[in-house]
Amino acid sequence: MPLYGLCRRLLAPLALLMIVGLAAGGSRGAAAPVTYYATLSGAQVVPPVLTSASGFVQIIFESNTKRIDYSIVLFGTSAQDIAGAELREGAFGTTGILTQKLAGAGWTQITGALGLTDSQIATLNSGGFYVEVRSVSKGGPLIRGQILPPAAAGAQPTPPIPTPFPSPVPPSVSSPSQAQAQAAVVAPRGLITPPSTGDAGLKRR
């Protein structure tokens, strides 16, 4: 057999092994996505807002691309009253600064994607971001929720959003003003179905 042909036969399997090894190494080096959650309520707005609206946020972070994919679902409000949603940097109970607009007006469910800087990734991991949904009728914030790391302070992560979406659970509050605001939060389950009134609305002869 010619030397050239022999070399080709010997080198082909080696090249294949190198390709497989590089692919396996790349797979091992890729970090798994991390999921963050936030519940939205008027009680978390500064100052608290009395509203029947509530909501839920899910954020999936990809460390290799430094990108987040987010989903927001709202309850107890109409698309016509939604002015937009924003990602803001700030601690719970403070008025933070705008980082990025997540959505415009006129929706109750939205998805999107956003790239983060290294500094913003550190803020995300420390629980320093919150999502704020703004209202047309109120001319400002309607509901808000702090984005918590999966196991912040030893807390169990919120379960993923199933279909249909569950009603969010508003966070516990301590101040009287927040308690009054939270008491007004109505968390419907799934689709809103008007209750049966029987014959209460019938006019009797």
N, C-alpha and C. Protein backbone atom coordinates (compact mmCIF):
# COMPACT_ATOMS: atom_id res chain seq x y z
N MET A 1 0.86 -1.19 0.00
CA MET A 1 0.00 0.00 0.00
C MET A 1 0.89 1.24 0.00
N PRO A 2 0.56 2.25 -0.82
CA PRO A 2 1.36 3.48 -0.83
C PRO A 2 1.37 4.13 0.55
N LEU A 3 2.49 4.82 0.84
CA LEU A 3 2.65 5.47 2.15
C LEU A 3 1.55 6.50 2.39
N TYR A 4 1.17 7.24 1.35
CA TYR A 4 0.14 8.27 1.50
C TYR A 4 -1.19 7.66 1.95
N GLY A 5 -1.59 6.53 1.29
CA GLY A 5 -2.83 5.88 1.65
C GLY A 5 -2.80 5.33 3.06
N LEU A 6 -1.64 4.80 3.48
CA LEU A 6 -1.51 4.26 4.83
C LEU A 6 -1.66 5.37 5.88
N CYS A 7 -1.06 6.52 5.59
CA CYS A 7 -1.16 7.65 6.53
C CYS A 7 -2.61 8.11 6.67
N ARG A 8 -3.31 8.16 5.55
CA ARG A 8 -4.71 8.58 5.60
C ARG A 8 -5.53 7.62 6.45
N ARG A 9 -5.30 6.33 6.31
CA ARG A 9 -6.07 5.35 7.06
C ARG A 9 -5.75 5.43 8.56
N LEU A 10 -4.53 5.79 8.91
CA LEU A 10 -4.16 5.87 10.32
C LEU A 10 -4.62 7.17 10.96
N LEU A 11 -4.60 8.27 10.20
CA LEU A 11 -4.93 9.58 10.76
C LEU A 11 -6.43 9.83 10.87
N ALA A 12 -7.22 9.21 10.01
CA ALA A 12 -8.67 9.45 10.02
C ALA A 12 -9.31 9.11 11.36
N PRO A 13 -9.04 7.92 11.94
CA PRO A 13 -9.64 7.62 13.26
C PRO A 13 -9.16 8.58 14.34
N LEU A 14 -7.87 9.01 14.27
CA LEU A 14 -7.35 9.93 15.27
C LEU A 14 -8.06 11.28 15.21
N ALA A 15 -8.32 11.74 13.98
CA ALA A 15 -9.02 13.01 13.82
C ALA A 15 -10.44 12.92 14.37
N LEU A 16 -11.10 11.78 14.14
CA LEU A 16 -12.44 11.59 14.64
C LEU A 16 -12.47 11.60 16.16
N LEU A 17 -11.48 10.95 16.78
CA LEU A 17 -11.41 10.93 18.24
C LEU A 17 -11.18 12.33 18.80
N MET A 18 -10.36 13.15 18.12
CA MET A 18 -10.11 14.50 18.58
C MET A 18 -11.38 15.34 18.52
N ILE A 19 -12.16 15.19 17.44
CA ILE A 19 -13.40 15.95 17.29
C ILE A 19 -14.39 15.58 18.39
N VAL A 20 -14.54 14.27 18.64
CA VAL A 20 -15.45 13.81 19.69
C VAL A 20 -15.01 14.32 21.05
N GLY A 21 -13.69 14.30 21.30
CA GLY A 21 -13.18 14.77 22.58
C GLY A 21 -13.42 16.25 22.79
N LEU A 22 -13.22 17.05 21.74
CA LEU A 22 -13.47 18.49 21.85
C LEU A 22 -14.94 18.78 22.10
N ALA A 23 -15.81 18.02 21.42
CA ALA A 23 -17.25 18.23 21.60
C ALA A 23 -17.66 17.88 23.03
N ALA A 24 -17.13 16.79 23.54
CA ALA A 24 -17.47 16.40 24.92
C ALA A 24 -16.96 17.42 25.91
N GLY A 25 -15.74 17.93 25.69
CA GLY A 25 -15.21 18.95 26.59
C GLY A 25 -16.03 20.21 26.57
N GLY A 26 -16.52 20.60 25.40
CA GLY A 26 -17.36 21.79 25.30
C GLY A 26 -18.67 21.61 26.03
N SER A 27 -19.23 20.39 25.97
CA SER A 27 -20.49 20.14 26.66
C SER A 27 -20.32 20.21 28.16
N ARG A 28 -19.16 19.67 28.65
CA ARG A 28 -18.93 19.69 30.09
C ARG A 28 -18.71 21.12 30.60
N GLY A 29 -18.16 21.99 29.71
CA GLY A 29 -17.86 23.35 30.14
C GLY A 29 -19.07 24.26 30.17
N ALA A 30 -20.17 23.90 29.50
CA ALA A 30 -21.36 24.76 29.44
C ALA A 30 -22.15 24.62 30.73
N ALA A 31 -22.42 25.77 31.36
CA ALA A 31 -23.19 25.75 32.61
C ALA A 31 -24.67 25.61 32.32
N ALA A 32 -25.38 24.95 33.23
CA ALA A 32 -26.82 24.77 33.07
C ALA A 32 -27.54 26.09 33.30
N PRO A 33 -28.66 26.34 32.61
CA PRO A 33 -29.43 27.57 32.82
C PRO A 33 -29.93 27.65 34.27
N VAL A 34 -30.04 28.87 34.77
CA VAL A 34 -30.53 29.12 36.13
C VAL A 34 -31.85 29.88 36.03
N THR A 35 -32.85 29.45 36.79
CA THR A 35 -34.17 30.06 36.73
C THR A 35 -34.44 30.89 37.99
N TYR A 36 -34.94 32.10 37.77
CA TYR A 36 -35.29 33.03 38.84
C TYR A 36 -36.79 33.33 38.76
N TYR A 37 -37.38 33.72 39.88
CA TYR A 37 -38.81 33.99 39.92
C TYR A 37 -39.11 35.27 40.69
N ALA A 38 -40.28 35.83 40.42
CA ALA A 38 -40.77 36.97 41.20
C ALA A 38 -42.30 36.95 41.18
N THR A 39 -42.92 37.23 42.31
CA THR A 39 -44.36 37.44 42.36
C THR A 39 -44.61 38.94 42.40
N LEU A 40 -45.62 39.39 41.67
CA LEU A 40 -45.92 40.81 41.54
C LEU A 40 -47.16 41.16 42.34
N SER A 41 -47.10 42.25 43.10
CA SER A 41 -48.26 42.69 43.86
C SER A 41 -48.17 44.19 44.10
N GLY A 42 -49.30 44.81 44.40
CA GLY A 42 -49.32 46.22 44.73
C GLY A 42 -48.65 46.50 46.06
N ALA A 43 -48.59 45.51 46.95
CA ALA A 43 -47.99 45.69 48.27
C ALA A 43 -46.50 45.97 48.18
N GLN A 44 -45.84 45.56 47.09
CA GLN A 44 -44.41 45.76 46.97
C GLN A 44 -44.04 47.09 46.31
N VAL A 45 -45.03 47.79 45.76
CA VAL A 45 -44.77 49.09 45.15
C VAL A 45 -44.42 50.09 46.25
N VAL A 46 -43.60 51.08 45.92
CA VAL A 46 -43.21 52.12 46.88
C VAL A 46 -43.77 53.47 46.41
N PRO A 47 -44.80 54.03 47.15
CA PRO A 47 -45.53 53.43 48.28
C PRO A 47 -46.50 52.37 47.79
N PRO A 48 -47.03 51.50 48.68
CA PRO A 48 -47.93 50.42 48.26
C PRO A 48 -49.15 50.93 47.52
N VAL A 49 -49.64 50.10 46.58
CA VAL A 49 -50.79 50.44 45.75
C VAL A 49 -51.93 49.48 46.06
N LEU A 50 -53.13 50.02 46.30
CA LEU A 50 -54.31 49.19 46.48
C LEU A 50 -54.82 48.79 45.10
N THR A 51 -54.77 47.49 44.78
CA THR A 51 -55.15 47.02 43.46
C THR A 51 -55.54 45.55 43.52
N SER A 52 -56.39 45.15 42.59
CA SER A 52 -56.75 43.73 42.46
C SER A 52 -55.79 43.01 41.51
N ALA A 53 -54.85 43.74 40.92
CA ALA A 53 -53.90 43.14 39.98
C ALA A 53 -52.80 42.39 40.72
N SER A 54 -52.28 41.36 40.09
CA SER A 54 -51.13 40.60 40.61
C SER A 54 -50.45 39.97 39.40
N GLY A 55 -49.35 39.28 39.63
CA GLY A 55 -48.64 38.70 38.49
C GLY A 55 -47.50 37.80 38.91
N PHE A 56 -46.84 37.24 37.91
CA PHE A 56 -45.78 36.26 38.12
C PHE A 56 -44.72 36.45 37.03
N VAL A 57 -43.45 36.36 37.42
CA VAL A 57 -42.32 36.52 36.48
C VAL A 57 -41.43 35.30 36.56
N GLN A 58 -41.00 34.80 35.40
CA GLN A 58 -39.99 33.74 35.35
C GLN A 58 -38.85 34.23 34.46
N ILE A 59 -37.62 34.08 34.94
CA ILE A 59 -36.44 34.50 34.20
C ILE A 59 -35.47 33.33 34.13
N ILE A 60 -35.02 32.99 32.92
CA ILE A 60 -34.05 31.91 32.72
C ILE A 60 -32.75 32.55 32.24
N PHE A 61 -31.67 32.35 33.01
CA PHE A 61 -30.39 32.96 32.70
C PHE A 61 -29.43 31.94 32.11
N GLU A 62 -28.83 32.29 30.96
CA GLU A 62 -27.81 31.46 30.30
C GLU A 62 -26.46 32.12 30.51
N SER A 63 -25.60 31.51 31.32
CA SER A 63 -24.32 32.14 31.65
C SER A 63 -23.36 32.19 30.46
N ASN A 64 -23.43 31.20 29.56
CA ASN A 64 -22.50 31.19 28.44
C ASN A 64 -22.79 32.29 27.43
N THR A 65 -24.05 32.72 27.35
CA THR A 65 -24.41 33.81 26.42
C THR A 65 -24.70 35.12 27.16
N LYS A 66 -24.72 35.08 28.50
CA LYS A 66 -25.06 36.25 29.34
C LYS A 66 -26.41 36.84 28.94
N ARG A 67 -27.37 35.97 28.74
CA ARG A 67 -28.69 36.38 28.27
C ARG A 67 -29.77 35.84 29.20
N ILE A 68 -30.83 36.62 29.36
CA ILE A 68 -32.00 36.14 30.09
C ILE A 68 -33.19 36.06 29.15
N ASP A 69 -33.99 35.04 29.33
CA ASP A 69 -35.29 34.92 28.66
C ASP A 69 -36.35 35.08 29.74
N TYR A 70 -37.27 36.02 29.57
CA TYR A 70 -38.24 36.30 30.62
C TYR A 70 -39.67 36.10 30.13
N SER A 71 -40.53 35.72 31.07
CA SER A 71 -41.97 35.58 30.83
C SER A 71 -42.69 36.29 31.97
N ILE A 72 -43.70 37.07 31.63
CA ILE A 72 -44.51 37.78 32.63
C ILE A 72 -45.98 37.50 32.34
N VAL A 73 -46.73 37.15 33.39
CA VAL A 73 -48.16 36.96 33.24
C VAL A 73 -48.86 37.76 34.33
N LEU A 74 -49.95 38.42 33.96
CA LEU A 74 -50.70 39.28 34.89
C LEU A 74 -52.09 38.72 35.14
N PHE A 75 -52.63 39.02 36.33
CA PHE A 75 -53.97 38.61 36.71
C PHE A 75 -54.72 39.83 37.24
N GLY A 76 -56.05 39.80 37.14
CA GLY A 76 -56.87 40.82 37.77
C GLY A 76 -56.75 42.20 37.16
N THR A 77 -56.33 42.29 35.91
CA THR A 77 -56.23 43.57 35.21
C THR A 77 -56.48 43.33 33.73
N SER A 78 -56.64 44.40 32.98
CA SER A 78 -56.89 44.29 31.54
C SER A 78 -55.69 44.79 30.75
N ALA A 79 -55.56 44.31 29.53
CA ALA A 79 -54.45 44.74 28.67
C ALA A 79 -54.52 46.24 28.41
N GLN A 80 -55.74 46.79 28.36
CA GLN A 80 -55.90 48.21 28.07
C GLN A 80 -55.31 49.10 29.16
N ASP A 81 -55.19 48.57 30.38
CA ASP A 81 -54.70 49.38 31.49
C ASP A 81 -53.19 49.23 31.70
N ILE A 82 -52.52 48.39 30.92
CA ILE A 82 -51.10 48.17 31.10
C ILE A 82 -50.31 49.14 30.22
N ALA A 83 -49.45 49.93 30.87
CA ALA A 83 -48.63 50.92 30.15
C ALA A 83 -47.24 50.38 29.81
N GLY A 84 -46.81 49.31 30.48
CA GLY A 84 -45.50 48.75 30.20
C GLY A 84 -44.93 48.01 31.39
N ALA A 85 -43.77 47.39 31.19
CA ALA A 85 -43.07 46.68 32.26
C ALA A 85 -41.59 47.03 32.17
N GLU A 86 -40.95 47.14 33.34
CA GLU A 86 -39.56 47.57 33.40
C GLU A 86 -38.75 46.68 34.33
N LEU A 87 -37.49 46.49 33.99
CA LEU A 87 -36.52 45.86 34.88
C LEU A 87 -35.77 46.99 35.58
N ARG A 88 -35.81 47.01 36.92
CA ARG A 88 -35.19 48.08 37.69
C ARG A 88 -34.21 47.50 38.71
N GLU A 89 -33.17 48.27 38.99
CA GLU A 89 -32.18 47.87 39.99
C GLU A 89 -32.48 48.57 41.31
N GLY A 90 -32.69 47.79 42.37
CA GLY A 90 -32.99 48.36 43.67
C GLY A 90 -33.41 47.28 44.63
N ALA A 91 -33.21 47.54 45.91
CA ALA A 91 -33.59 46.59 46.95
C ALA A 91 -35.08 46.69 47.25
N PHE A 92 -35.61 45.68 47.93
CA PHE A 92 -37.01 45.66 48.32
C PHE A 92 -37.31 46.88 49.20
N GLY A 93 -38.41 47.57 48.91
CA GLY A 93 -38.80 48.72 49.71
C GLY A 93 -38.15 50.02 49.30
N THR A 94 -37.35 50.01 48.22
CA THR A 94 -36.71 51.23 47.74
C THR A 94 -37.15 51.50 46.30
N THR A 95 -37.01 52.74 45.87
CA THR A 95 -37.28 53.10 44.48
C THR A 95 -35.99 52.97 43.68
N GLY A 96 -35.94 51.99 42.79
CA GLY A 96 -34.72 51.72 42.04
C GLY A 96 -34.61 52.52 40.76
N ILE A 97 -33.52 52.28 40.04
CA ILE A 97 -33.28 52.98 38.78
C ILE A 97 -33.60 52.06 37.61
N LEU A 98 -34.07 52.64 36.52
CA LEU A 98 -34.45 51.88 35.34
C LEU A 98 -33.23 51.25 34.69
N THR A 99 -33.30 49.95 34.45
CA THR A 99 -32.25 49.23 33.75
C THR A 99 -32.64 48.95 32.30
N GLN A 100 -33.87 48.46 32.10
CA GLN A 100 -34.31 48.11 30.76
C GLN A 100 -35.82 48.02 30.72
N LYS A 101 -36.43 48.53 29.65
CA LYS A 101 -37.86 48.33 29.43
C LYS A 101 -38.06 46.92 28.88
N LEU A 102 -38.96 46.17 29.52
CA LEU A 102 -39.20 44.78 29.12
C LEU A 102 -40.38 44.64 28.18
N ALA A 103 -41.34 45.56 28.24
CA ALA A 103 -42.54 45.46 27.39
C ALA A 103 -43.20 46.82 27.29
N GLY A 104 -43.94 47.00 26.20
CA GLY A 104 -44.70 48.22 26.02
C GLY A 104 -46.11 48.08 26.58
N ALA A 105 -47.06 48.77 25.97
CA ALA A 105 -48.43 48.80 26.48
C ALA A 105 -49.28 47.71 25.85
N GLY A 106 -50.42 47.39 26.55
CA GLY A 106 -51.47 46.56 25.96
C GLY A 106 -51.23 45.07 25.96
N TRP A 107 -51.04 44.43 27.12
CA TRP A 107 -50.81 42.99 27.19
C TRP A 107 -51.12 42.50 28.61
N THR A 108 -51.30 41.19 28.74
CA THR A 108 -51.37 40.56 30.07
C THR A 108 -50.42 39.36 30.16
N GLN A 109 -49.86 38.93 29.01
CA GLN A 109 -48.81 37.91 29.00
C GLN A 109 -47.77 38.34 27.98
N ILE A 110 -46.50 38.23 28.35
CA ILE A 110 -45.43 38.69 27.46
C ILE A 110 -44.19 37.84 27.67
N THR A 111 -43.40 37.65 26.61
CA THR A 111 -42.10 36.98 26.70
C THR A 111 -41.08 37.84 25.96
N GLY A 112 -39.81 37.68 26.32
CA GLY A 112 -38.75 38.43 25.66
C GLY A 112 -37.39 37.95 26.09
N ALA A 113 -36.34 38.58 25.56
CA ALA A 113 -34.96 38.22 25.88
C ALA A 113 -34.14 39.49 26.03
N LEU A 114 -33.06 39.39 26.81
CA LEU A 114 -32.25 40.56 27.13
C LEU A 114 -30.84 40.11 27.49
N GLY A 115 -29.83 40.81 26.97
CA GLY A 115 -28.44 40.54 27.33
C GLY A 115 -28.03 41.35 28.56
N LEU A 116 -27.16 40.78 29.40
CA LEU A 116 -26.71 41.43 30.62
C LEU A 116 -25.21 41.63 30.61
N THR A 117 -24.76 42.69 31.27
CA THR A 117 -23.34 42.91 31.48
C THR A 117 -22.90 42.10 32.71
N ASP A 118 -21.58 42.02 32.92
CA ASP A 118 -21.07 41.29 34.09
C ASP A 118 -21.58 41.91 35.38
N SER A 119 -21.64 43.24 35.42
CA SER A 119 -22.13 43.93 36.62
C SER A 119 -23.60 43.63 36.86
N GLN A 120 -24.39 43.58 35.79
CA GLN A 120 -25.81 43.27 35.92
C GLN A 120 -26.03 41.82 36.34
N ILE A 121 -25.17 40.92 35.89
CA ILE A 121 -25.27 39.52 36.30
C ILE A 121 -25.04 39.40 37.81
N ALA A 122 -24.06 40.15 38.32
CA ALA A 122 -23.81 40.14 39.76
C ALA A 122 -25.01 40.69 40.53
N THR A 123 -25.65 41.72 39.99
CA THR A 123 -26.85 42.27 40.63
C THR A 123 -27.99 41.27 40.62
N LEU A 124 -28.16 40.55 39.51
CA LEU A 124 -29.19 39.53 39.41
C LEU A 124 -28.97 38.44 40.45
N ASN A 125 -27.73 37.99 40.60
CA ASN A 125 -27.43 36.92 41.54
C ASN A 125 -27.58 37.34 43.00
N SER A 126 -27.50 38.64 43.26
CA SER A 126 -27.63 39.13 44.63
C SER A 126 -29.05 39.55 44.98
N GLY A 127 -29.99 39.38 44.05
CA GLY A 127 -31.37 39.77 44.30
C GLY A 127 -31.61 41.26 44.23
N GLY A 128 -30.78 41.96 43.46
CA GLY A 128 -30.88 43.41 43.39
C GLY A 128 -31.74 43.97 42.28
N PHE A 129 -32.45 43.12 41.53
CA PHE A 129 -33.35 43.58 40.47
C PHE A 129 -34.80 43.33 40.86
N TYR A 130 -35.69 44.15 40.35
CA TYR A 130 -37.12 43.88 40.47
C TYR A 130 -37.81 44.24 39.16
N VAL A 131 -38.99 43.66 38.96
CA VAL A 131 -39.82 43.96 37.79
C VAL A 131 -40.98 44.82 38.24
N GLU A 132 -41.24 45.88 37.50
CA GLU A 132 -42.35 46.79 37.82
C GLU A 132 -43.26 46.92 36.62
N VAL A 133 -44.55 46.73 36.83
CA VAL A 133 -45.56 46.88 35.78
C VAL A 133 -46.30 48.19 36.03
N ARG A 134 -46.43 49.01 35.01
CA ARG A 134 -47.02 50.34 35.15
C ARG A 134 -48.42 50.37 34.56
N SER A 135 -49.26 51.25 35.13
CA SER A 135 -50.68 51.31 34.80
C SER A 135 -51.02 52.61 34.09
N VAL A 136 -51.95 52.51 33.14
CA VAL A 136 -52.45 53.70 32.45
C VAL A 136 -53.35 54.51 33.38
N SER A 137 -54.28 53.83 34.07
CA SER A 137 -55.25 54.53 34.91
C SER A 137 -54.60 55.18 36.12
N LYS A 138 -53.57 54.54 36.67
CA LYS A 138 -52.90 55.09 37.85
C LYS A 138 -51.78 56.05 37.48
N GLY A 139 -51.38 56.05 36.22
CA GLY A 139 -50.31 56.95 35.80
C GLY A 139 -48.97 56.65 36.43
N GLY A 140 -48.72 55.40 36.78
CA GLY A 140 -47.46 55.02 37.43
C GLY A 140 -47.44 53.54 37.75
N PRO A 141 -46.63 53.12 38.73
CA PRO A 141 -46.52 51.70 39.06
C PRO A 141 -47.85 51.10 39.51
N LEU A 142 -48.11 49.87 39.07
CA LEU A 142 -49.31 49.14 39.47
C LEU A 142 -48.95 47.99 40.40
N ILE A 143 -48.00 47.15 39.96
CA ILE A 143 -47.52 46.02 40.76
C ILE A 143 -46.02 45.86 40.55
N ARG A 144 -45.40 45.18 41.50
CA ARG A 144 -43.94 45.04 41.45
C ARG A 144 -43.55 43.76 42.17
N GLY A 145 -42.37 43.20 41.79
CA GLY A 145 -41.88 42.00 42.46
C GLY A 145 -40.37 41.90 42.39
N GLN A 146 -39.74 41.55 43.51
CA GLN A 146 -38.29 41.39 43.58
C GLN A 146 -37.88 40.07 42.94
N ILE A 147 -36.86 40.09 42.10
CA ILE A 147 -36.37 38.87 41.44
C ILE A 147 -35.39 38.18 42.40
N LEU A 148 -35.76 37.01 42.87
CA LEU A 148 -34.97 36.31 43.87
C LEU A 148 -34.15 35.19 43.25
N PRO A 149 -32.89 35.02 43.70
CA PRO A 149 -32.10 33.87 43.25
C PRO A 149 -32.79 32.57 43.64
N PRO A 150 -32.46 31.45 42.98
CA PRO A 150 -33.17 30.18 43.22
C PRO A 150 -33.20 29.74 44.68
N ALA A 151 -32.14 30.01 45.45
CA ALA A 151 -32.12 29.56 46.85
C ALA A 151 -31.68 30.69 47.76
N ALA A 152 -32.24 31.88 47.57
CA ALA A 152 -31.85 33.04 48.37
C ALA A 152 -32.18 32.80 49.84
N ALA A 153 -31.20 33.03 50.70
CA ALA A 153 -31.38 32.90 52.15
C ALA A 153 -31.93 31.53 52.55
N GLY A 154 -31.59 30.50 51.77
CA GLY A 154 -32.02 29.15 52.10
C GLY A 154 -33.46 28.86 51.73
N ALA A 155 -34.14 29.83 51.07
CA ALA A 155 -35.54 29.62 50.71
C ALA A 155 -35.65 28.62 49.57
N GLN A 156 -36.74 27.90 49.53
CA GLN A 156 -36.98 26.97 48.44
C GLN A 156 -37.38 27.75 47.20
N PRO A 157 -36.88 27.37 46.00
CA PRO A 157 -37.26 28.08 44.79
C PRO A 157 -38.74 27.89 44.47
N THR A 158 -39.34 28.91 43.88
CA THR A 158 -40.73 28.83 43.45
C THR A 158 -40.84 27.82 42.32
N PRO A 159 -41.86 26.98 42.27
CA PRO A 159 -41.97 26.00 41.20
C PRO A 159 -42.15 26.67 39.85
N PRO A 160 -41.73 26.00 38.75
CA PRO A 160 -41.87 26.59 37.42
C PRO A 160 -43.33 26.88 37.08
N ILE A 161 -43.54 27.77 36.10
CA ILE A 161 -44.89 28.13 35.68
C ILE A 161 -45.48 27.00 34.86
N PRO A 162 -46.56 26.35 35.31
CA PRO A 162 -47.22 25.34 34.48
C PRO A 162 -48.22 26.00 33.55
N THR A 163 -48.93 25.21 32.81
CA THR A 163 -49.99 25.72 31.94
C THR A 163 -51.30 25.04 32.33
N PRO A 164 -52.38 25.75 32.69
CA PRO A 164 -52.42 27.21 32.75
C PRO A 164 -51.65 27.74 33.94
N PHE A 165 -51.34 29.06 33.90
CA PHE A 165 -50.57 29.66 34.96
C PHE A 165 -51.33 29.60 36.29
N PRO A 166 -50.61 29.42 37.40
CA PRO A 166 -51.27 29.46 38.71
C PRO A 166 -51.44 30.89 39.16
N SER A 167 -52.22 31.09 40.20
CA SER A 167 -52.31 32.43 40.77
C SER A 167 -51.10 32.66 41.65
N PRO A 168 -50.44 33.83 41.53
CA PRO A 168 -49.25 34.09 42.33
C PRO A 168 -49.59 34.27 43.80
N VAL A 169 -48.62 34.00 44.66
CA VAL A 169 -48.80 34.17 46.10
C VAL A 169 -48.07 35.43 46.52
N PRO A 170 -48.77 36.48 46.96
CA PRO A 170 -48.09 37.71 47.37
C PRO A 170 -47.17 37.46 48.56
N PRO A 171 -46.06 38.19 48.65
CA PRO A 171 -45.12 37.99 49.75
C PRO A 171 -45.71 38.45 51.07
N SER A 172 -45.14 37.96 52.19
CA SER A 172 -45.60 38.39 53.50
C SER A 172 -45.21 39.84 53.72
N VAL A 173 -46.01 40.56 54.48
CA VAL A 173 -45.75 41.97 54.75
C VAL A 173 -45.79 42.20 56.25
N SER A 174 -45.14 43.29 56.67
CA SER A 174 -45.07 43.56 58.09
C SER A 174 -45.67 44.90 58.47
N SER A 175 -45.55 45.92 57.59
CA SER A 175 -46.05 47.24 57.94
C SER A 175 -47.54 47.33 57.71
N PRO A 176 -48.29 48.16 58.48
CA PRO A 176 -49.74 48.30 58.32
C PRO A 176 -50.13 48.73 56.92
N SER A 177 -49.37 49.64 56.31
CA SER A 177 -49.73 50.12 54.98
C SER A 177 -49.61 49.02 53.96
N GLN A 178 -48.56 48.20 54.07
CA GLN A 178 -48.41 47.08 53.15
C GLN A 178 -49.48 46.03 53.39
N ALA A 179 -49.85 45.80 54.64
CA ALA A 179 -50.88 44.80 54.93
C ALA A 179 -52.21 45.23 54.33
N GLN A 180 -52.53 46.53 54.40
CA GLN A 180 -53.78 47.01 53.82
C GLN A 180 -53.75 46.83 52.31
N ALA A 181 -52.59 47.09 51.70
CA ALA A 181 -52.49 46.94 50.25
C ALA A 181 -52.62 45.49 49.84
N GLN A 182 -51.98 44.59 50.62
CA GLN A 182 -52.03 43.18 50.26
C GLN A 182 -53.44 42.62 50.43
N ALA A 183 -54.19 43.14 51.40
CA ALA A 183 -55.54 42.63 51.63
C ALA A 183 -56.42 42.87 50.42
N ALA A 184 -56.05 43.85 49.59
CA ALA A 184 -56.86 44.15 48.42
C ALA A 184 -56.45 43.34 47.21
N VAL A 185 -55.35 42.56 47.31
CA VAL A 185 -54.89 41.79 46.17
C VAL A 185 -55.78 40.57 45.99
N VAL A 186 -56.32 40.42 44.82
CA VAL A 186 -57.15 39.26 44.50
C VAL A 186 -56.36 38.40 43.55
N ALA A 187 -56.13 37.13 43.88
CA ALA A 187 -55.33 36.24 43.05
C ALA A 187 -56.23 35.19 42.43
N PRO A 188 -56.80 35.44 41.24
CA PRO A 188 -57.66 34.45 40.60
C PRO A 188 -56.86 33.24 40.15
N ARG A 189 -57.49 32.13 40.02
CA ARG A 189 -56.82 30.91 39.59
C ARG A 189 -57.21 30.63 38.14
N GLY A 190 -56.19 30.64 37.27
CA GLY A 190 -56.44 30.36 35.87
C GLY A 190 -57.34 31.41 35.25
N LEU A 191 -58.27 30.96 34.41
CA LEU A 191 -59.18 31.89 33.79
C LEU A 191 -60.22 32.37 34.79
N ILE A 192 -60.61 33.63 34.66
CA ILE A 192 -61.58 34.21 35.58
C ILE A 192 -62.98 33.83 35.12
N THR A 193 -63.73 33.14 35.98
CA THR A 193 -65.09 32.73 35.66
C THR A 193 -66.05 33.43 36.60
N PRO A 194 -67.03 34.19 36.07
CA PRO A 194 -67.98 34.88 36.95
C PRO A 194 -68.73 33.88 37.82
N PRO A 195 -68.93 34.19 39.10
CA PRO A 195 -69.65 33.24 39.97
C PRO A 195 -71.12 33.14 39.60
N SER A 196 -71.72 31.98 39.92
CA SER A 196 -73.14 31.79 39.67
C SER A 196 -73.95 32.57 40.70
N THR A 197 -74.94 33.30 40.23
CA THR A 197 -75.77 34.09 41.14
C THR A 197 -77.13 33.47 41.38
N GLY A 198 -77.38 32.28 40.78
CA GLY A 198 -78.68 31.62 40.96
C GLY A 198 -79.80 32.51 40.45
N ASP A 199 -80.83 32.65 41.25
CA ASP A 199 -81.94 33.51 40.83
C ASP A 199 -81.91 34.85 41.55
N ALA A 200 -80.71 35.21 42.10
CA ALA A 200 -80.62 36.43 42.88
C ALA A 200 -80.94 37.66 42.04
N GLY A 201 -80.66 37.56 40.72
CA GLY A 201 -80.87 38.73 39.89
C GLY A 201 -82.22 38.74 39.20
N LEU A 202 -83.08 37.74 39.45
CA LEU A 202 -84.38 37.67 38.78
C LEU A 202 -85.41 38.51 39.51
N LYS A 203 -86.20 39.17 38.78
CA LYS A 203 -87.25 39.97 39.36
C LYS A 203 -88.48 39.09 39.57
N ARG A 204 -89.00 38.99 40.81
CA ARG A 204 -90.16 38.14 41.11
C ARG A 204 -91.44 38.94 40.94
N ARG A 205 -92.46 38.23 40.49
CA ARG A 205 -93.76 38.88 40.32
C ARG A 205 -94.48 38.94 41.66
